[in-house]
Structure formats: structure tokens, C-alpha cells
Amino acid sequence: MREVLAALPADIRDEFTLVTAMSSIRCTSIERFYDAASTILKTPAAELHAETAVRVTGRTVTSVWRVLLRIATDDVLVARSPALFKKAYLQGRLEVVRSGKGFAEIRVVDWPEMSEFAVRGLRVGVESTLRAAGRKDPKGSARKTADGASFRFDWVV
């Protein structure tokens, strides 16, 4: 991690080294961190990002949460999505477009400059959460929109 931080410009490095419980790190800075790490590790940034997102989500969804998620209905999981998004991202707003048995369509609005990095992170995070919640074979797709991005998730019922 020190080597990656050393490879970053000073202003971005400071975001990481000076972060507190009351501050946050910009998504663009996290993206630059992954770019630096991928260069050092000789791994594509998208691959490194997806692998890390799966691990982080798995750790976040601890055993107690995992039990609660497994008994939650699909409707409850989807209905909580906007509140969870708001805790994870400083910009944009997540809306549920529609959902049903084995699928959900959501969109991020008010974030026209949402990067492919952020789109991938959200898609992988939702897939990992669905998997931790006991949904079988969750698969997500995403596309950028003028105002953010739209997503479709399907899983086996």
C-alpha cells in the first residue's frame, strides 16, 4: 500500500493518509489509487477493482447481516437500496425503477459524470450483496445514461 500511495500525486495521497471517520475520499481519487495499484501489480485496473469489491462486500456483510439478508424478501432488499447507496456514495441518487421475483431495475440519477469505475463498483457490489443474501447466480448489467447509469439485475428464483 505504501508503494501505491507513493505513486499518487500529493493531493490525492493526502486524501488517503489524512482521512478521518468524519471525512471521505473522492471517487476519482479512489479510481486513481486503483490505476496506480494496477500498474504496480501488473493487473488490469478493472479486474483488480472487481475482485476487491467482491471481497469488501463479503467482509461488510458479516454473519449477522448475512442471516438477516437471507430471510429478507426481494422487495425488502430492493427497497433498502437507495438508503445503502446514499451511505456509500457522496454524489448521485439511486432510484428503484421496478422489481419483481428474481429481478430488479435501478438507476443512478443526478450524477452525469459517473465514471465506468463507479458503475462497475456499484454493479459488482449489488451482485455480491445479492449473493450474500442467498440469491442464486445474480448477474447484473449496466449502461451509462446522460444523468448517471441504469442497471438490471437478475437471479435464479
N, C-alpha and C. Protein backbone atom coordinates (compact mmCIF):
# COMPACT_ATOMS: atom_id res chain seq x y z
N MET A 1 0.83 -1.18 0.00
CA MET A 1 0.00 0.00 0.00
C MET A 1 0.87 1.25 0.00
N ARG A 2 1.97 1.22 0.71
CA ARG A 2 2.87 2.39 0.73
C ARG A 2 3.38 2.72 -0.65
N GLU A 3 3.70 1.70 -1.40
CA GLU A 3 4.22 1.91 -2.76
C GLU A 3 3.15 2.55 -3.65
N VAL A 4 1.91 2.12 -3.50
CA VAL A 4 0.81 2.69 -4.28
C VAL A 4 0.59 4.14 -3.87
N LEU A 5 0.55 4.41 -2.58
CA LEU A 5 0.36 5.78 -2.11
C LEU A 5 1.50 6.68 -2.59
N ALA A 6 2.71 6.17 -2.58
CA ALA A 6 3.86 6.97 -3.02
C ALA A 6 3.76 7.32 -4.51
N ALA A 7 3.08 6.50 -5.27
CA ALA A 7 2.94 6.74 -6.71
C ALA A 7 1.88 7.79 -7.04
N LEU A 8 1.08 8.18 -6.04
CA LEU A 8 0.00 9.15 -6.26
C LEU A 8 0.49 10.58 -6.10
N PRO A 9 -0.16 11.52 -6.79
CA PRO A 9 0.15 12.94 -6.54
C PRO A 9 -0.13 13.28 -5.08
N ALA A 10 0.57 14.26 -4.55
CA ALA A 10 0.49 14.61 -3.12
C ALA A 10 -0.94 14.90 -2.67
N ASP A 11 -1.72 15.64 -3.46
CA ASP A 11 -3.07 15.99 -3.03
C ASP A 11 -3.96 14.76 -2.89
N ILE A 12 -3.80 13.79 -3.77
CA ILE A 12 -4.59 12.56 -3.69
C ILE A 12 -4.07 11.68 -2.55
N ARG A 13 -2.77 11.59 -2.42
CA ARG A 13 -2.17 10.81 -1.32
C ARG A 13 -2.68 11.34 0.03
N ASP A 14 -2.77 12.67 0.16
CA ASP A 14 -3.27 13.27 1.40
C ASP A 14 -4.70 12.84 1.73
N GLU A 15 -5.53 12.67 0.71
CA GLU A 15 -6.91 12.21 0.95
C GLU A 15 -6.92 10.87 1.68
N PHE A 16 -5.98 10.01 1.32
CA PHE A 16 -5.90 8.68 1.93
C PHE A 16 -5.24 8.73 3.31
N THR A 17 -4.18 9.46 3.43
CA THR A 17 -3.42 9.45 4.68
C THR A 17 -4.04 10.33 5.75
N LEU A 18 -4.86 11.29 5.37
CA LEU A 18 -5.48 12.20 6.33
C LEU A 18 -6.97 11.94 6.56
N VAL A 19 -7.48 10.86 6.00
CA VAL A 19 -8.92 10.57 6.13
C VAL A 19 -9.26 10.29 7.61
N THR A 20 -10.43 10.74 8.00
CA THR A 20 -10.93 10.51 9.36
C THR A 20 -12.32 9.87 9.27
N ALA A 21 -12.88 9.54 10.41
CA ALA A 21 -14.23 8.98 10.44
C ALA A 21 -15.27 9.99 9.95
N MET A 22 -14.93 11.27 9.96
CA MET A 22 -15.87 12.31 9.55
C MET A 22 -15.60 12.83 8.13
N SER A 23 -14.59 12.29 7.46
CA SER A 23 -14.28 12.74 6.11
C SER A 23 -14.49 11.59 5.13
N SER A 24 -14.24 11.87 3.88
CA SER A 24 -14.38 10.83 2.86
C SER A 24 -13.33 11.04 1.78
N ILE A 25 -13.21 10.06 0.92
CA ILE A 25 -12.27 10.11 -0.19
C ILE A 25 -13.09 10.16 -1.47
N ARG A 26 -12.76 11.09 -2.35
CA ARG A 26 -13.49 11.24 -3.61
C ARG A 26 -13.37 9.98 -4.47
N CYS A 27 -14.42 9.67 -5.18
CA CYS A 27 -14.44 8.51 -6.07
C CYS A 27 -13.32 8.62 -7.11
N THR A 28 -13.07 9.80 -7.62
CA THR A 28 -12.00 9.98 -8.60
C THR A 28 -10.63 9.66 -8.01
N SER A 29 -10.44 9.94 -6.73
CA SER A 29 -9.17 9.62 -6.07
C SER A 29 -9.03 8.12 -5.86
N ILE A 30 -10.11 7.46 -5.54
CA ILE A 30 -10.08 6.00 -5.39
C ILE A 30 -9.76 5.36 -6.73
N GLU A 31 -10.31 5.92 -7.79
CA GLU A 31 -10.01 5.42 -9.13
C GLU A 31 -8.52 5.58 -9.46
N ARG A 32 -7.95 6.70 -9.11
CA ARG A 32 -6.50 6.92 -9.33
C ARG A 32 -5.67 5.94 -8.51
N PHE A 33 -6.12 5.63 -7.29
CA PHE A 33 -5.46 4.64 -6.44
C PHE A 33 -5.42 3.28 -7.15
N TYR A 34 -6.56 2.86 -7.70
CA TYR A 34 -6.62 1.59 -8.42
C TYR A 34 -5.72 1.60 -9.65
N ASP A 35 -5.68 2.72 -10.36
CA ASP A 35 -4.79 2.83 -11.53
C ASP A 35 -3.34 2.62 -11.11
N ALA A 36 -2.93 3.28 -10.02
CA ALA A 36 -1.55 3.13 -9.53
C ALA A 36 -1.29 1.69 -9.08
N ALA A 37 -2.24 1.13 -8.34
CA ALA A 37 -2.08 -0.26 -7.86
C ALA A 37 -2.00 -1.24 -9.02
N SER A 38 -2.81 -1.03 -10.05
CA SER A 38 -2.80 -1.96 -11.18
C SER A 38 -1.47 -1.90 -11.93
N THR A 39 -0.87 -0.72 -12.00
CA THR A 39 0.44 -0.59 -12.63
C THR A 39 1.50 -1.35 -11.83
N ILE A 40 1.48 -1.16 -10.52
CA ILE A 40 2.46 -1.82 -9.65
C ILE A 40 2.27 -3.34 -9.63
N LEU A 41 1.01 -3.78 -9.59
CA LEU A 41 0.72 -5.21 -9.52
C LEU A 41 0.67 -5.89 -10.88
N LYS A 42 0.72 -5.07 -11.94
CA LYS A 42 0.64 -5.58 -13.31
C LYS A 42 -0.64 -6.39 -13.53
N THR A 43 -1.72 -5.82 -13.05
CA THR A 43 -3.06 -6.41 -13.18
C THR A 43 -3.98 -5.33 -13.74
N PRO A 44 -4.87 -5.66 -14.66
CA PRO A 44 -5.79 -4.64 -15.17
C PRO A 44 -6.61 -4.01 -14.03
N ALA A 45 -6.76 -2.69 -14.07
CA ALA A 45 -7.47 -1.98 -13.02
C ALA A 45 -8.90 -2.49 -12.84
N ALA A 46 -9.59 -2.78 -13.94
CA ALA A 46 -10.98 -3.26 -13.85
C ALA A 46 -11.05 -4.60 -13.12
N GLU A 47 -10.08 -5.48 -13.39
CA GLU A 47 -10.03 -6.78 -12.73
C GLU A 47 -9.74 -6.63 -11.24
N LEU A 48 -8.79 -5.79 -10.92
CA LEU A 48 -8.43 -5.52 -9.52
C LEU A 48 -9.61 -4.91 -8.77
N HIS A 49 -10.28 -3.97 -9.40
CA HIS A 49 -11.43 -3.30 -8.79
C HIS A 49 -12.56 -4.29 -8.52
N ALA A 50 -12.91 -5.11 -9.51
CA ALA A 50 -14.00 -6.08 -9.34
C ALA A 50 -13.68 -7.08 -8.23
N GLU A 51 -12.44 -7.59 -8.22
CA GLU A 51 -12.03 -8.56 -7.20
C GLU A 51 -12.09 -7.94 -5.80
N THR A 52 -11.63 -6.72 -5.68
CA THR A 52 -11.64 -6.03 -4.38
C THR A 52 -13.07 -5.75 -3.93
N ALA A 53 -13.93 -5.34 -4.85
CA ALA A 53 -15.33 -5.04 -4.50
C ALA A 53 -16.03 -6.28 -3.96
N VAL A 54 -15.77 -7.42 -4.56
CA VAL A 54 -16.37 -8.68 -4.07
C VAL A 54 -15.89 -8.98 -2.65
N ARG A 55 -14.59 -8.83 -2.41
CA ARG A 55 -14.04 -9.10 -1.07
C ARG A 55 -14.58 -8.12 -0.03
N VAL A 56 -14.61 -6.85 -0.37
CA VAL A 56 -15.07 -5.82 0.57
C VAL A 56 -16.54 -6.06 0.93
N THR A 57 -17.35 -6.35 -0.07
CA THR A 57 -18.77 -6.60 0.20
C THR A 57 -18.93 -7.83 1.08
N GLY A 58 -18.14 -8.86 0.80
CA GLY A 58 -18.20 -10.07 1.62
C GLY A 58 -17.86 -9.81 3.07
N ARG A 59 -16.88 -8.96 3.31
CA ARG A 59 -16.50 -8.62 4.69
C ARG A 59 -17.53 -7.72 5.35
N THR A 60 -18.11 -6.84 4.57
CA THR A 60 -19.11 -5.91 5.12
C THR A 60 -20.36 -6.66 5.55
N VAL A 61 -20.75 -7.62 4.75
CA VAL A 61 -21.94 -8.40 5.06
C VAL A 61 -21.51 -9.52 6.01
N THR A 62 -21.43 -9.17 7.29
CA THR A 62 -20.98 -10.13 8.31
C THR A 62 -22.02 -11.21 8.54
N SER A 63 -21.70 -12.15 9.38
CA SER A 63 -22.59 -13.30 9.60
C SER A 63 -23.97 -12.89 10.10
N VAL A 64 -24.05 -11.90 10.98
CA VAL A 64 -25.37 -11.47 11.48
C VAL A 64 -26.17 -10.86 10.33
N TRP A 65 -25.53 -9.96 9.58
CA TRP A 65 -26.22 -9.36 8.44
C TRP A 65 -26.59 -10.41 7.41
N ARG A 66 -25.71 -11.38 7.22
CA ARG A 66 -25.97 -12.42 6.23
C ARG A 66 -27.25 -13.18 6.57
N VAL A 67 -27.46 -13.50 7.84
CA VAL A 67 -28.68 -14.20 8.27
C VAL A 67 -29.90 -13.32 7.99
N LEU A 68 -29.81 -12.04 8.35
CA LEU A 68 -30.94 -11.14 8.12
C LEU A 68 -31.23 -10.97 6.63
N LEU A 69 -30.18 -10.86 5.83
CA LEU A 69 -30.38 -10.71 4.39
C LEU A 69 -31.02 -11.94 3.78
N ARG A 70 -30.66 -13.11 4.29
CA ARG A 70 -31.21 -14.35 3.73
C ARG A 70 -32.70 -14.50 4.01
N ILE A 71 -33.20 -13.91 5.09
CA ILE A 71 -34.64 -14.02 5.37
C ILE A 71 -35.42 -12.83 4.82
N ALA A 72 -34.72 -11.81 4.35
CA ALA A 72 -35.39 -10.65 3.77
C ALA A 72 -35.95 -11.01 2.40
N THR A 73 -37.10 -10.47 2.09
CA THR A 73 -37.69 -10.70 0.77
C THR A 73 -36.95 -9.86 -0.27
N ASP A 74 -37.13 -10.22 -1.52
CA ASP A 74 -36.53 -9.44 -2.61
C ASP A 74 -37.00 -7.99 -2.54
N ASP A 75 -38.28 -7.77 -2.24
CA ASP A 75 -38.82 -6.41 -2.16
C ASP A 75 -38.13 -5.59 -1.08
N VAL A 76 -37.86 -6.21 0.06
CA VAL A 76 -37.18 -5.50 1.16
C VAL A 76 -35.75 -5.15 0.75
N LEU A 77 -35.04 -6.09 0.13
CA LEU A 77 -33.68 -5.81 -0.32
C LEU A 77 -33.64 -4.65 -1.30
N VAL A 78 -34.53 -4.67 -2.28
CA VAL A 78 -34.55 -3.62 -3.30
C VAL A 78 -34.98 -2.28 -2.69
N ALA A 79 -35.94 -2.31 -1.80
CA ALA A 79 -36.43 -1.07 -1.18
C ALA A 79 -35.34 -0.37 -0.35
N ARG A 80 -34.41 -1.12 0.21
CA ARG A 80 -33.33 -0.54 1.03
C ARG A 80 -32.17 -0.01 0.18
N SER A 81 -32.14 -0.35 -1.08
CA SER A 81 -31.03 0.03 -1.96
C SER A 81 -30.73 1.52 -1.98
N PRO A 82 -31.72 2.42 -2.12
CA PRO A 82 -31.39 3.85 -2.13
C PRO A 82 -30.71 4.33 -0.85
N ALA A 83 -31.12 3.83 0.30
CA ALA A 83 -30.51 4.24 1.57
C ALA A 83 -29.07 3.73 1.65
N LEU A 84 -28.80 2.51 1.20
CA LEU A 84 -27.45 1.97 1.22
C LEU A 84 -26.55 2.73 0.24
N PHE A 85 -27.08 3.08 -0.92
CA PHE A 85 -26.32 3.86 -1.90
C PHE A 85 -25.91 5.20 -1.31
N LYS A 86 -26.82 5.85 -0.63
CA LYS A 86 -26.56 7.17 -0.04
C LYS A 86 -25.42 7.11 0.98
N LYS A 87 -25.28 6.00 1.68
CA LYS A 87 -24.20 5.85 2.66
C LYS A 87 -22.85 5.60 1.97
N ALA A 88 -22.88 5.01 0.79
CA ALA A 88 -21.65 4.62 0.12
C ALA A 88 -21.11 5.69 -0.84
N TYR A 89 -21.99 6.51 -1.39
CA TYR A 89 -21.57 7.47 -2.40
C TYR A 89 -21.95 8.89 -1.99
N LEU A 90 -21.06 9.83 -2.27
CA LEU A 90 -21.29 11.23 -1.93
C LEU A 90 -22.16 11.94 -2.96
N GLN A 91 -22.19 11.43 -4.17
CA GLN A 91 -22.94 12.09 -5.22
C GLN A 91 -23.95 11.13 -5.84
N GLY A 92 -24.92 11.70 -6.54
CA GLY A 92 -25.93 10.89 -7.19
C GLY A 92 -27.00 10.40 -6.23
N ARG A 93 -28.01 9.81 -6.82
CA ARG A 93 -29.13 9.27 -6.06
C ARG A 93 -29.60 8.01 -6.77
N LEU A 94 -29.86 6.96 -6.01
CA LEU A 94 -30.31 5.70 -6.58
C LEU A 94 -31.82 5.61 -6.49
N GLU A 95 -32.45 5.23 -7.59
CA GLU A 95 -33.90 5.04 -7.64
C GLU A 95 -34.20 3.62 -8.09
N VAL A 96 -35.24 3.04 -7.52
CA VAL A 96 -35.71 1.74 -7.97
C VAL A 96 -36.69 2.00 -9.10
N VAL A 97 -36.43 1.45 -10.26
CA VAL A 97 -37.31 1.61 -11.42
C VAL A 97 -38.45 0.62 -11.31
N ARG A 98 -38.11 -0.64 -11.14
CA ARG A 98 -39.11 -1.69 -10.92
C ARG A 98 -38.39 -2.94 -10.44
N SER A 99 -39.13 -3.80 -9.81
CA SER A 99 -38.56 -5.06 -9.34
C SER A 99 -39.64 -6.10 -9.26
N GLY A 100 -39.23 -7.33 -9.23
CA GLY A 100 -40.17 -8.44 -9.13
C GLY A 100 -39.41 -9.68 -8.71
N LYS A 101 -40.05 -10.79 -8.81
CA LYS A 101 -39.43 -12.05 -8.40
C LYS A 101 -38.24 -12.36 -9.31
N GLY A 102 -37.04 -12.29 -8.75
CA GLY A 102 -35.84 -12.64 -9.48
C GLY A 102 -35.24 -11.53 -10.33
N PHE A 103 -35.70 -10.30 -10.18
CA PHE A 103 -35.08 -9.22 -10.94
C PHE A 103 -35.28 -7.87 -10.26
N ALA A 104 -34.43 -6.93 -10.61
CA ALA A 104 -34.57 -5.55 -10.15
C ALA A 104 -33.94 -4.64 -11.20
N GLU A 105 -34.58 -3.52 -11.44
CA GLU A 105 -34.02 -2.49 -12.30
C GLU A 105 -33.88 -1.23 -11.45
N ILE A 106 -32.68 -0.69 -11.43
CA ILE A 106 -32.40 0.52 -10.66
C ILE A 106 -31.68 1.51 -11.55
N ARG A 107 -31.65 2.75 -11.13
CA ARG A 107 -30.88 3.74 -11.88
C ARG A 107 -30.26 4.74 -10.91
N VAL A 108 -29.13 5.26 -11.33
CA VAL A 108 -28.48 6.34 -10.60
C VAL A 108 -28.75 7.61 -11.39
N VAL A 109 -29.25 8.63 -10.70
CA VAL A 109 -29.54 9.92 -11.32
C VAL A 109 -28.75 11.01 -10.59
N ASP A 110 -28.73 12.17 -11.17
CA ASP A 110 -28.03 13.33 -10.59
C ASP A 110 -26.53 13.11 -10.48
N TRP A 111 -25.97 12.30 -11.37
CA TRP A 111 -24.54 12.06 -11.40
C TRP A 111 -24.09 11.89 -12.86
N PRO A 112 -24.22 12.95 -13.66
CA PRO A 112 -23.92 12.82 -15.09
C PRO A 112 -22.47 12.41 -15.38
N GLU A 113 -21.55 12.74 -14.50
CA GLU A 113 -20.15 12.38 -14.73
C GLU A 113 -19.77 11.05 -14.07
N MET A 114 -20.74 10.22 -13.73
CA MET A 114 -20.46 8.92 -13.12
C MET A 114 -19.53 8.13 -14.03
N SER A 115 -18.39 7.73 -13.47
CA SER A 115 -17.37 7.04 -14.27
C SER A 115 -17.69 5.56 -14.43
N GLU A 116 -17.03 4.94 -15.40
CA GLU A 116 -17.17 3.49 -15.58
C GLU A 116 -16.70 2.76 -14.33
N PHE A 117 -15.72 3.32 -13.65
CA PHE A 117 -15.22 2.77 -12.39
C PHE A 117 -16.35 2.70 -11.36
N ALA A 118 -17.09 3.79 -11.19
CA ALA A 118 -18.19 3.83 -10.22
C ALA A 118 -19.33 2.91 -10.65
N VAL A 119 -19.60 2.87 -11.94
CA VAL A 119 -20.65 1.97 -12.46
C VAL A 119 -20.29 0.52 -12.15
N ARG A 120 -19.05 0.14 -12.45
CA ARG A 120 -18.58 -1.23 -12.19
C ARG A 120 -18.64 -1.54 -10.69
N GLY A 121 -18.18 -0.60 -9.87
CA GLY A 121 -18.20 -0.83 -8.42
C GLY A 121 -19.60 -1.07 -7.89
N LEU A 122 -20.56 -0.28 -8.36
CA LEU A 122 -21.95 -0.47 -7.92
C LEU A 122 -22.51 -1.80 -8.41
N ARG A 123 -22.26 -2.12 -9.68
CA ARG A 123 -22.77 -3.39 -10.22
C ARG A 123 -22.20 -4.59 -9.46
N VAL A 124 -20.90 -4.61 -9.24
CA VAL A 124 -20.26 -5.73 -8.54
C VAL A 124 -20.72 -5.76 -7.08
N GLY A 125 -20.86 -4.61 -6.45
CA GLY A 125 -21.32 -4.55 -5.07
C GLY A 125 -22.73 -5.10 -4.89
N VAL A 126 -23.63 -4.75 -5.82
CA VAL A 126 -25.00 -5.26 -5.74
C VAL A 126 -25.01 -6.76 -6.00
N GLU A 127 -24.27 -7.23 -7.00
CA GLU A 127 -24.20 -8.67 -7.24
C GLU A 127 -23.70 -9.42 -6.01
N SER A 128 -22.67 -8.90 -5.37
CA SER A 128 -22.09 -9.54 -4.18
C SER A 128 -23.07 -9.54 -3.02
N THR A 129 -23.80 -8.44 -2.85
CA THR A 129 -24.80 -8.37 -1.78
C THR A 129 -25.93 -9.37 -2.03
N LEU A 130 -26.38 -9.46 -3.28
CA LEU A 130 -27.43 -10.44 -3.60
C LEU A 130 -26.94 -11.86 -3.33
N ARG A 131 -25.69 -12.13 -3.69
CA ARG A 131 -25.11 -13.46 -3.44
C ARG A 131 -25.05 -13.74 -1.94
N ALA A 132 -24.60 -12.76 -1.16
CA ALA A 132 -24.52 -12.92 0.30
C ALA A 132 -25.90 -13.10 0.90
N ALA A 133 -26.90 -12.53 0.25
CA ALA A 133 -28.27 -12.64 0.73
C ALA A 133 -28.93 -13.95 0.30
N GLY A 134 -28.15 -14.83 -0.33
CA GLY A 134 -28.66 -16.14 -0.68
C GLY A 134 -29.34 -16.21 -2.04
N ARG A 135 -29.25 -15.14 -2.83
CA ARG A 135 -29.84 -15.19 -4.17
C ARG A 135 -28.90 -15.98 -5.07
N LYS A 136 -29.47 -16.85 -5.89
CA LYS A 136 -28.65 -17.74 -6.72
C LYS A 136 -28.26 -17.07 -8.02
N ASP A 137 -26.98 -17.15 -8.32
CA ASP A 137 -26.40 -16.72 -9.59
C ASP A 137 -26.83 -15.30 -10.01
N PRO A 138 -26.63 -14.30 -9.13
CA PRO A 138 -27.01 -12.94 -9.53
C PRO A 138 -26.10 -12.40 -10.63
N LYS A 139 -26.70 -11.80 -11.63
CA LYS A 139 -25.97 -11.21 -12.75
C LYS A 139 -26.51 -9.81 -12.98
N GLY A 140 -25.60 -8.88 -13.14
CA GLY A 140 -26.01 -7.50 -13.39
C GLY A 140 -25.47 -6.99 -14.70
N SER A 141 -26.20 -6.06 -15.29
CA SER A 141 -25.73 -5.35 -16.47
C SER A 141 -25.95 -3.87 -16.21
N ALA A 142 -25.16 -3.04 -16.86
CA ALA A 142 -25.24 -1.60 -16.63
C ALA A 142 -24.98 -0.86 -17.92
N ARG A 143 -25.55 0.32 -18.00
CA ARG A 143 -25.22 1.21 -19.12
C ARG A 143 -25.26 2.64 -18.62
N LYS A 144 -24.31 3.43 -19.11
CA LYS A 144 -24.26 4.84 -18.75
C LYS A 144 -25.45 5.56 -19.38
N THR A 145 -25.96 6.56 -18.67
CA THR A 145 -27.01 7.42 -19.20
C THR A 145 -26.53 8.87 -19.08
N ALA A 146 -27.30 9.78 -19.63
CA ALA A 146 -26.92 11.19 -19.57
C ALA A 146 -26.89 11.70 -18.14
N ASP A 147 -27.68 11.09 -17.27
CA ASP A 147 -27.80 11.55 -15.89
C ASP A 147 -27.11 10.66 -14.87
N GLY A 148 -26.52 9.55 -15.32
CA GLY A 148 -25.87 8.61 -14.40
C GLY A 148 -25.71 7.25 -15.05
N ALA A 149 -26.51 6.28 -14.61
CA ALA A 149 -26.43 4.92 -15.17
C ALA A 149 -27.70 4.16 -14.83
N SER A 150 -28.00 3.15 -15.64
CA SER A 150 -29.12 2.26 -15.33
C SER A 150 -28.59 0.84 -15.23
N PHE A 151 -29.23 0.05 -14.37
CA PHE A 151 -28.78 -1.30 -14.06
C PHE A 151 -29.95 -2.27 -14.10
N ARG A 152 -29.66 -3.48 -14.48
CA ARG A 152 -30.63 -4.58 -14.41
C ARG A 152 -29.92 -5.74 -13.73
N PHE A 153 -30.57 -6.31 -12.73
CA PHE A 153 -30.04 -7.46 -12.01
C PHE A 153 -31.06 -8.60 -12.11
N ASP A 154 -30.56 -9.79 -12.40
CA ASP A 154 -31.40 -10.99 -12.45
C ASP A 154 -30.75 -12.06 -11.60
N TRP A 155 -31.58 -12.88 -10.98
CA TRP A 155 -31.09 -14.02 -10.21
C TRP A 155 -32.09 -15.15 -10.32
N VAL A 156 -31.62 -16.36 -10.06
CA VAL A 156 -32.45 -17.55 -10.16
C VAL A 156 -33.34 -17.64 -8.94
N VAL A 157 -34.61 -17.85 -9.18
CA VAL A 157 -35.58 -17.96 -8.08
C VAL A 157 -35.85 -19.41 -7.79
